[in-house]
C-alpha atoms as a PDB file:
ATOM      1  CA  MET A   1      -5.985   0.251  39.961  1.00  0.00           C
ATOM      2  CA  LYS A   2      -4.358   2.644  37.505  1.00  0.00           C
ATOM      3  CA  GLU A   3      -2.987  -0.233  35.417  1.00  0.00           C
ATOM      4  CA  TYR A   4      -6.424  -0.816  33.909  1.00  0.00           C
ATOM      5  CA  LYS A   5      -6.521   2.612  32.245  1.00  0.00           C
ATOM      6  CA  ASN A   6      -3.558   1.679  30.063  1.00  0.00           C
ATOM      7  CA  LYS A   7      -4.937  -1.660  28.885  1.00  0.00           C
ATOM      8  CA  LYS A   8      -5.183  -2.065  25.110  1.00  0.00           C
ATOM      9  CA  LEU A   9      -8.593  -3.504  24.260  1.00  0.00           C
ATOM     10  CA  PRO A  10     -10.117  -4.639  20.955  1.00  0.00           C
ATOM     11  CA  ARG A  11     -12.543  -2.052  19.596  1.00  0.00           C
ATOM     12  CA  ALA A  12     -15.537  -4.399  19.865  1.00  0.00           C
ATOM     13  CA  THR A  13     -14.720  -5.067  23.536  1.00  0.00           C
ATOM     14  CA  ALA A  14     -14.318  -1.361  24.289  1.00  0.00           C
ATOM     15  CA  LYS A  15     -17.727  -0.664  22.740  1.00  0.00           C
ATOM     16  CA  ARG A  16     -19.349  -3.156  25.122  1.00  0.00           C
ATOM     17  CA  LEU A  17     -17.805  -1.762  28.318  1.00  0.00           C
ATOM     18  CA  PRO A  18     -20.430   1.000  28.809  1.00  0.00           C
ATOM     19  CA  LEU A  19     -23.148  -1.651  28.455  1.00  0.00           C
ATOM     20  CA  TYR A  20     -21.466  -3.795  31.107  1.00  0.00           C
ATOM     21  CA  LEU A  21     -20.978  -0.854  33.446  1.00  0.00           C
ATOM     22  CA  ARG A  22     -24.567   0.349  33.148  1.00  0.00           C
ATOM     23  CA  ASN A  23     -25.982  -3.083  33.955  1.00  0.00           C
ATOM     24  CA  LEU A  24     -23.530  -3.664  36.799  1.00  0.00           C
ATOM     25  CA  LYS A  25     -24.642  -0.429  38.430  1.00  0.00           C
ATOM     26  CA  ILE A  26     -28.252  -1.544  38.126  1.00  0.00           C
ATOM     27  CA  LEU A  27     -27.356  -4.857  39.770  1.00  0.00           C
ATOM     28  CA  GLU A  28     -25.592  -3.048  42.597  1.00  0.00           C
ATOM     29  CA  THR A  29     -28.628  -0.873  43.313  1.00  0.00           C
ATOM     30  CA  THR A  30     -30.756  -4.025  43.626  1.00  0.00           C
ATOM     31  CA  GLY A  31     -28.377  -5.562  46.157  1.00  0.00           C
ATOM     32  CA  VAL A  32     -26.600  -8.062  43.882  1.00  0.00           C
ATOM     33  CA  THR A  33     -22.990  -8.487  45.035  1.00  0.00           C
ATOM     34  CA  ARG A  34     -21.684 -11.107  42.601  1.00  0.00           C
ATOM     35  CA  ILE A  35     -22.685 -12.376  39.183  1.00  0.00           C
ATOM     36  CA  LYS A  36     -21.706 -15.269  36.902  1.00  0.00           C
ATOM     37  CA  SER A  37     -21.130 -14.768  33.196  1.00  0.00           C
ATOM     38  CA  LYS A  38     -24.138 -16.939  32.319  1.00  0.00           C
ATOM     39  CA  ASP A  39     -26.477 -14.766  34.400  1.00  0.00           C
ATOM     40  CA  PHE A  40     -24.841 -11.562  33.185  1.00  0.00           C
ATOM     41  CA  SER A  41     -25.356 -12.788  29.626  1.00  0.00           C
ATOM     42  CA  THR A  42     -29.085 -13.014  30.211  1.00  0.00           C
ATOM     43  CA  ILE A  43     -29.135  -9.429  31.459  1.00  0.00           C
ATOM     44  CA  THR A  44     -26.895  -7.861  28.817  1.00  0.00           C
ATOM     45  CA  GLN A  45     -27.856 -10.085  25.860  1.00  0.00           C
ATOM     46  CA  VAL A  46     -24.147 -10.640  25.190  1.00  0.00           C
ATOM     47  CA  PRO A  47     -23.035 -14.300  24.954  1.00  0.00           C
ATOM     48  CA  ALA A  48     -21.359 -15.592  28.108  1.00  0.00           C
ATOM     49  CA  ALA A  49     -18.273 -16.637  26.125  1.00  0.00           C
ATOM     50  CA  THR A  50     -17.934 -13.085  24.793  1.00  0.00           C
ATOM     51  CA  ILE A  51     -18.260 -11.656  28.296  1.00  0.00           C
ATOM     52  CA  ARG A  52     -15.568 -13.978  29.635  1.00  0.00           C
ATOM     53  CA  ARG A  53     -13.278 -13.106  26.715  1.00  0.00           C
ATOM     54  CA  ASP A  54     -13.859  -9.374  27.167  1.00  0.00           C
ATOM     55  CA  PHE A  55     -13.140  -9.605  30.874  1.00  0.00           C
ATOM     56  CA  SER A  56     -10.030 -11.737  30.279  1.00  0.00           C
ATOM     57  CA  TYR A  57      -8.342  -8.849  28.463  1.00  0.00           C
ATOM     58  CA  LEU A  58      -8.220  -7.127  31.850  1.00  0.00           C
ATOM     59  CA  GLY A  59      -6.722 -10.011  33.781  1.00  0.00           C
ATOM     60  CA  GLU A  60      -8.251 -12.217  36.449  1.00  0.00           C
ATOM     61  CA  LEU A  61     -11.431 -10.349  37.328  1.00  0.00           C
ATOM     62  CA  GLY A  62     -13.340 -13.348  38.648  1.00  0.00           C
ATOM     63  CA  ARG A  63     -12.957 -16.833  40.076  1.00  0.00           C
ATOM     64  CA  SER A  64     -14.157 -20.118  38.638  1.00  0.00           C
ATOM     65  CA  GLY A  65     -17.311 -21.261  40.390  1.00  0.00           C
ATOM     66  CA  TYR A  66     -17.696 -17.932  42.192  1.00  0.00           C
ATOM     67  CA  GLY A  67     -18.240 -15.485  39.375  1.00  0.00           C
ATOM     68  CA  TYR A  68     -17.452 -11.787  39.470  1.00  0.00           C
ATOM     69  CA  ASP A  69     -17.650  -9.286  42.297  1.00  0.00           C
ATOM     70  CA  VAL A  70     -20.060  -6.596  41.094  1.00  0.00           C
ATOM     71  CA  SER A  71     -18.594  -3.657  42.993  1.00  0.00           C
ATOM     72  CA  TYR A  72     -15.066  -4.563  41.878  1.00  0.00           C
ATOM     73  CA  LEU A  73     -16.114  -4.739  38.232  1.00  0.00           C
ATOM     74  CA  ILE A  74     -17.796  -1.340  38.584  1.00  0.00           C
ATOM     75  CA  ASP A  75     -14.541   0.117  39.902  1.00  0.00           C
ATOM     76  CA  VAL A  76     -12.520  -1.421  37.062  1.00  0.00           C
ATOM     77  CA  PHE A  77     -14.838  -0.371  34.246  1.00  0.00           C
ATOM     78  CA  SER A  78     -15.386   3.080  35.740  1.00  0.00           C
ATOM     79  CA  GLU A  79     -11.633   3.613  35.748  1.00  0.00           C
ATOM     80  CA  ILE A  80     -11.197   2.419  32.173  1.00  0.00           C
ATOM     81  CA  LEU A  81     -14.060   4.561  30.900  1.00  0.00           C
ATOM     82  CA  ALA A  82     -13.105   7.522  33.102  1.00  0.00           C
ATOM     83  CA  ALA A  83     -16.766   7.420  34.134  1.00  0.00           C
ATOM     84  CA  ASP A  84     -16.060   9.350  37.309  1.00  0.00           C
ATOM     85  CA  ASP A  85     -14.301  12.188  35.476  1.00  0.00           C
ATOM     86  CA  GLU A  86     -16.337  15.269  34.649  1.00  0.00           C
ATOM     87  CA  LYS A  87     -16.783  15.771  30.897  1.00  0.00           C
ATOM     88  CA  ARG A  88     -17.956  19.134  29.584  1.00  0.00           C
ATOM     89  CA  ILE A  89     -19.698  18.841  26.237  1.00  0.00           C
ATOM     90  CA  ALA A  90     -20.429  21.274  23.400  1.00  0.00           C
ATOM     91  CA  LEU A  91     -23.604  20.706  21.392  1.00  0.00           C
ATOM     92  CA  VAL A  92     -23.530  21.885  17.787  1.00  0.00           C
ATOM     93  CA  GLY A  93     -26.934  22.226  16.128  1.00  0.00           C
ATOM     94  CA  PHE A  94     -30.060  23.226  18.019  1.00  0.00           C
ATOM     95  CA  GLY A  95     -32.757  21.739  15.832  1.00  0.00           C
ATOM     96  CA  ASN A  96     -35.255  19.188  17.103  1.00  0.00           C
ATOM     97  CA  LEU A  97     -32.630  16.538  17.849  1.00  0.00           C
ATOM     98  CA  GLY A  98     -30.271  19.041  19.445  1.00  0.00           C
ATOM     99  CA  LYS A  99     -33.044  20.362  21.668  1.00  0.00           C
ATOM    100  CA  ALA A 100     -33.961  16.837  22.759  1.00  0.00           C
ATOM    101  CA  LEU A 101     -30.341  16.073  23.677  1.00  0.00           C
ATOM    102  CA  ALA A 102     -29.953  19.365  25.526  1.00  0.00           C
ATOM    103  CA  ASN A 103     -33.163  18.879  27.485  1.00  0.00           C
ATOM    104  CA  ASN A 104     -32.111  15.391  28.532  1.00  0.00           C
ATOM    105  CA  ASN A 105     -28.504  16.464  29.201  1.00  0.00           C
ATOM    106  CA  PHE A 106     -27.347  13.045  30.410  1.00  0.00           C
ATOM    107  CA  ARG A 107     -29.513  13.046  33.512  1.00  0.00           C
ATOM    108  CA  ARG A 108     -28.428   9.501  34.357  1.00  0.00           C
ATOM    109  CA  ASN A 109     -24.753  10.476  34.513  1.00  0.00           C
ATOM    110  CA  ASP A 110     -23.795  13.440  36.664  1.00  0.00           C
ATOM    111  CA  ASN A 111     -20.306  13.547  35.131  1.00  0.00           C
ATOM    112  CA  LEU A 112     -21.514  14.282  31.601  1.00  0.00           C
ATOM    113  CA  GLU A 113     -22.908  17.757  30.945  1.00  0.00           C
ATOM    114  CA  ILE A 114     -23.737  19.840  27.899  1.00  0.00           C
ATOM    115  CA  THR A 115     -22.357  23.215  28.924  1.00  0.00           C
ATOM    116  CA  CYS A 116     -22.674  25.253  25.726  1.00  0.00           C
ATOM    117  CA  VAL A 117     -24.791  25.176  22.570  1.00  0.00           C
ATOM    118  CA  PHE A 118     -24.005  26.432  19.064  1.00  0.00           C
ATOM    119  CA  ASP A 119     -25.932  27.001  15.861  1.00  0.00           C
ATOM    120  CA  ASN A 120     -25.552  28.952  12.610  1.00  0.00           C
ATOM    121  CA  ASN A 121     -29.190  30.089  12.454  1.00  0.00           C
ATOM    122  CA  PRO A 122     -29.280  33.899  12.898  1.00  0.00           C
ATOM    123  CA  GLU A 123     -32.743  33.594  14.446  1.00  0.00           C
ATOM    124  CA  LEU A 124     -31.355  31.425  17.246  1.00  0.00           C
ATOM    125  CA  ILE A 125     -27.956  32.986  17.871  1.00  0.00           C
ATOM    126  CA  GLY A 126     -27.967  35.169  20.954  1.00  0.00           C
ATOM    127  CA  GLN A 127     -31.177  33.710  22.350  1.00  0.00           C
ATOM    128  CA  THR A 128     -31.544  31.721  25.548  1.00  0.00           C
ATOM    129  CA  ILE A 129     -33.804  28.724  25.026  1.00  0.00           C
ATOM    130  CA  ASP A 130     -34.634  26.128  27.687  1.00  0.00           C
ATOM    131  CA  GLY A 131     -31.824  27.537  29.810  1.00  0.00           C
ATOM    132  CA  PHE A 132     -29.181  27.374  27.067  1.00  0.00           C
ATOM    133  CA  HIS A 133     -27.608  30.442  25.493  1.00  0.00           C
ATOM    134  CA  ILE A 134     -27.133  29.829  21.767  1.00  0.00           C
ATOM    135  CA  TYR A 135     -23.752  30.886  20.417  1.00  0.00           C
ATOM    136  CA  GLY A 136     -22.709  31.321  16.805  1.00  0.00           C
ATOM    137  CA  MET A 137     -20.136  28.960  15.321  1.00  0.00           C
ATOM    138  CA  ASP A 138     -17.687  31.835  15.006  1.00  0.00           C
ATOM    139  CA  GLU A 139     -17.567  31.842  18.819  1.00  0.00           C
ATOM    140  CA  PHE A 140     -16.925  28.111  19.143  1.00  0.00           C
ATOM    141  CA  LYS A 141     -13.211  28.115  19.964  1.00  0.00           C
ATOM    142  CA  ALA A 142     -13.391  30.947  22.501  1.00  0.00           C
ATOM    143  CA  VAL A 143     -16.485  29.637  24.280  1.00  0.00           C
ATOM    144  CA  THR A 144     -15.348  25.998  24.463  1.00  0.00           C
ATOM    145  CA  GLU A 145     -11.928  26.969  25.781  1.00  0.00           C
ATOM    146  CA  LYS A 146     -13.540  29.168  28.428  1.00  0.00           C
ATOM    147  CA  ASN A 147     -15.865  26.326  29.481  1.00  0.00           C
ATOM    148  CA  GLY A 148     -13.211  23.609  29.471  1.00  0.00           C
ATOM    149  CA  VAL A 149     -15.018  21.566  26.827  1.00  0.00           C
ATOM    150  CA  THR A 150     -13.324  18.321  25.754  1.00  0.00           C
ATOM    151  CA  VAL A 151     -16.150  16.586  23.847  1.00  0.00           C
ATOM    152  CA  ALA A 152     -18.501  17.755  21.095  1.00  0.00           C
ATOM    153  CA  ILE A 153     -21.793  16.419  19.762  1.00  0.00           C
ATOM    154  CA  SER A 154     -22.862  17.462  16.278  1.00  0.00           C
ATOM    155  CA  THR A 155     -26.472  17.191  15.120  1.00  0.00           C
ATOM    156  CA  VAL A 156     -25.817  19.239  11.981  1.00  0.00           C
ATOM    157  CA  PRO A 157     -27.305  17.750   8.753  1.00  0.00           C
ATOM    158  CA  SER A 158     -24.913  15.882   6.464  1.00  0.00           C
ATOM    159  CA  GLN A 159     -24.606  18.652   3.883  1.00  0.00           C
ATOM    160  CA  TYR A 160     -23.234  21.027   6.534  1.00  0.00           C
ATOM    161  CA  ALA A 161     -21.488  18.503   8.766  1.00  0.00           C
ATOM    162  CA  GLN A 162     -17.965  18.845   7.322  1.00  0.00           C
ATOM    163  CA  GLU A 163     -17.885  22.590   7.944  1.00  0.00           C
ATOM    164  CA  ALA A 164     -19.146  22.141  11.501  1.00  0.00           C
ATOM    165  CA  ILE A 165     -16.678  19.335  12.233  1.00  0.00           C
ATOM    166  CA  ASP A 166     -13.810  21.416  10.820  1.00  0.00           C
ATOM    167  CA  THR A 167     -14.655  24.180  13.294  1.00  0.00           C
ATOM    168  CA  ILE A 168     -14.770  21.692  16.158  1.00  0.00           C
ATOM    169  CA  VAL A 169     -11.415  20.151  15.219  1.00  0.00           C
ATOM    170  CA  GLU A 170      -9.777  23.554  14.777  1.00  0.00           C
ATOM    171  CA  ALA A 171     -10.776  24.319  18.371  1.00  0.00           C
ATOM    172  CA  GLY A 172      -8.673  21.371  19.538  1.00  0.00           C
ATOM    173  CA  ILE A 173     -11.469  18.963  20.423  1.00  0.00           C
ATOM    174  CA  THR A 174     -10.587  15.360  19.606  1.00  0.00           C
ATOM    175  CA  ALA A 175     -13.694  13.463  20.799  1.00  0.00           C
ATOM    176  CA  ILE A 176     -16.721  13.998  18.554  1.00  0.00           C
ATOM    177  CA  LEU A 177     -20.097  12.259  18.321  1.00  0.00           C
ATOM    178  CA  ASN A 178     -21.701  12.902  14.935  1.00  0.00           C
ATOM    179  CA  PHE A 179     -25.388  12.305  14.248  1.00  0.00           C
ATOM    180  CA  ALA A 180     -24.940  12.865  10.494  1.00  0.00           C
ATOM    181  CA  PRO A 181     -24.486   9.436   8.839  1.00  0.00           C
ATOM    182  CA  ASP A 182     -22.226  10.570   5.988  1.00  0.00           C
ATOM    183  CA  ARG A 183     -18.520  10.274   6.773  1.00  0.00           C
ATOM    184  CA  VAL A 184     -16.486  13.447   7.172  1.00  0.00           C
ATOM    185  CA  ASN A 185     -12.752  14.015   6.972  1.00  0.00           C
ATOM    186  CA  VAL A 186     -10.901  14.421  10.252  1.00  0.00           C
ATOM    187  CA  PRO A 187      -7.236  14.118  11.271  1.00  0.00           C
ATOM    188  CA  LYS A 188      -6.073  10.707  12.524  1.00  0.00           C
ATOM    189  CA  HIS A 189      -5.774  11.927  16.110  1.00  0.00           C
ATOM    190  CA  VAL A 190      -9.487  12.801  16.259  1.00  0.00           C
ATOM    191  CA  ASN A 191     -11.849  10.148  17.627  1.00  0.00           C
ATOM    192  CA  MET A 192     -15.128  10.272  15.721  1.00  0.00           C
ATOM    193  CA  ARG A 193     -18.225   8.167  16.348  1.00  0.00           C
ATOM    194  CA  TYR A 194     -21.256   8.181  14.066  1.00  0.00           C
ATOM    195  CA  ILE A 195     -24.857   7.663  15.089  1.00  0.00           C
ATOM    196  CA  ASP A 196     -27.154   6.834  12.165  1.00  0.00           C
ATOM    197  CA  LEU A 197     -30.667   6.446  13.552  1.00  0.00           C
ATOM    198  CA  THR A 198     -32.127   5.316  10.215  1.00  0.00           C
ATOM    199  CA  THR A 199     -29.593   2.510   9.825  1.00  0.00           C
ATOM    200  CA  GLU A 200     -30.080   1.395  13.422  1.00  0.00           C
ATOM    201  CA  LEU A 201     -33.853   1.300  12.975  1.00  0.00           C
ATOM    202  CA  LEU A 202     -33.674  -0.621   9.673  1.00  0.00           C
ATOM    203  CA  THR A 203     -31.280  -3.119  11.264  1.00  0.00           C
ATOM    204  CA  LEU A 204     -33.681  -3.591  14.160  1.00  0.00           C
ATOM    205  CA  ILE A 205     -36.609  -4.142  11.779  1.00  0.00           C
ATOM    206  CA  PHE A 206     -34.587  -6.658   9.753  1.00  0.00           C
ATOM    207  CA  PHE A 207     -33.662  -8.732  12.779  1.00  0.00           C
ATOM    208  CA  ASP A 208     -37.189  -8.525  14.162  1.00  0.00           C
ATOM    209  CA  SER A 209     -38.594  -9.768  10.850  1.00  0.00           C
ATOM    210  CA  HIS A 210     -36.099 -12.581  10.225  1.00  0.00           C
ATOM    211  CA  TYR A 211     -35.398 -13.940  13.687  1.00  0.00           C
ATOM    212  CA  GLN A 212     -38.778 -14.003  15.395  1.00  0.00           C
ATOM    213  CA  ASN A 213     -38.429 -17.612  16.515  1.00  0.00           C
ATOM    214  CA  ARG A 214     -34.913 -17.596  17.938  1.00  0.00           C
ATOM    215  CA  PRO A 215     -32.886 -15.124  19.974  1.00  0.00           C
ATOM    216  CA  LEU A 216     -30.151 -13.234  18.166  1.00  0.00           C
ATOM    217  CA  VAL A 217     -27.457 -11.366  20.042  1.00  0.00           C
ATOM    218  CA  ALA A 218     -25.379  -8.661  18.418  1.00  0.00           C
ATOM    219  CA  THR A 219     -21.836  -8.820  19.781  1.00  0.00           C
ATOM    220  CA  SER A 220     -20.227  -5.877  18.064  1.00  0.00           C
END
């Protein structure tokens, strides 16, 4: 099934794959063996036409009138997302948000693990808190290389984010999740995703206020 890993997918489709995979795994645990796009749409809140289009980028995954085999889709999406590969993660910033992420530590996915934590607060550096030793940013490259880290999460505030991201990039890490909403400069080969909780909440409130009487599905 290695051919699926090399498939070129539209960005919007790629962003929906984790949603599909999560819900397929839930279906599997409840004993569901096959699903039609219409029923999967109800579960995922993604239009059935969008689901069929997303799946079509990967070839013939289902059969007309039959639907899709749940376990087969799980195998395909797991391969594409490398969901079964272990990913060691560095967490930069051990404030309230950083602590919450560290304490959760991706409990629902055994292949994702925060293995080292960094901060620039002298009062935290060198301490072990909630089972995590806090390293200084000057140790980032050495510690992440030793731990085989390939992904970083930054919870550093916007005014300090560029400096933190520069350190991460200089260490050779190319997959970064940034919780600071302001854009930072990174080389083209670095994959950066931004999480802006305020924007997400305001968007939710807007849709809740304006579309109370009809369902609205976000497809991107």
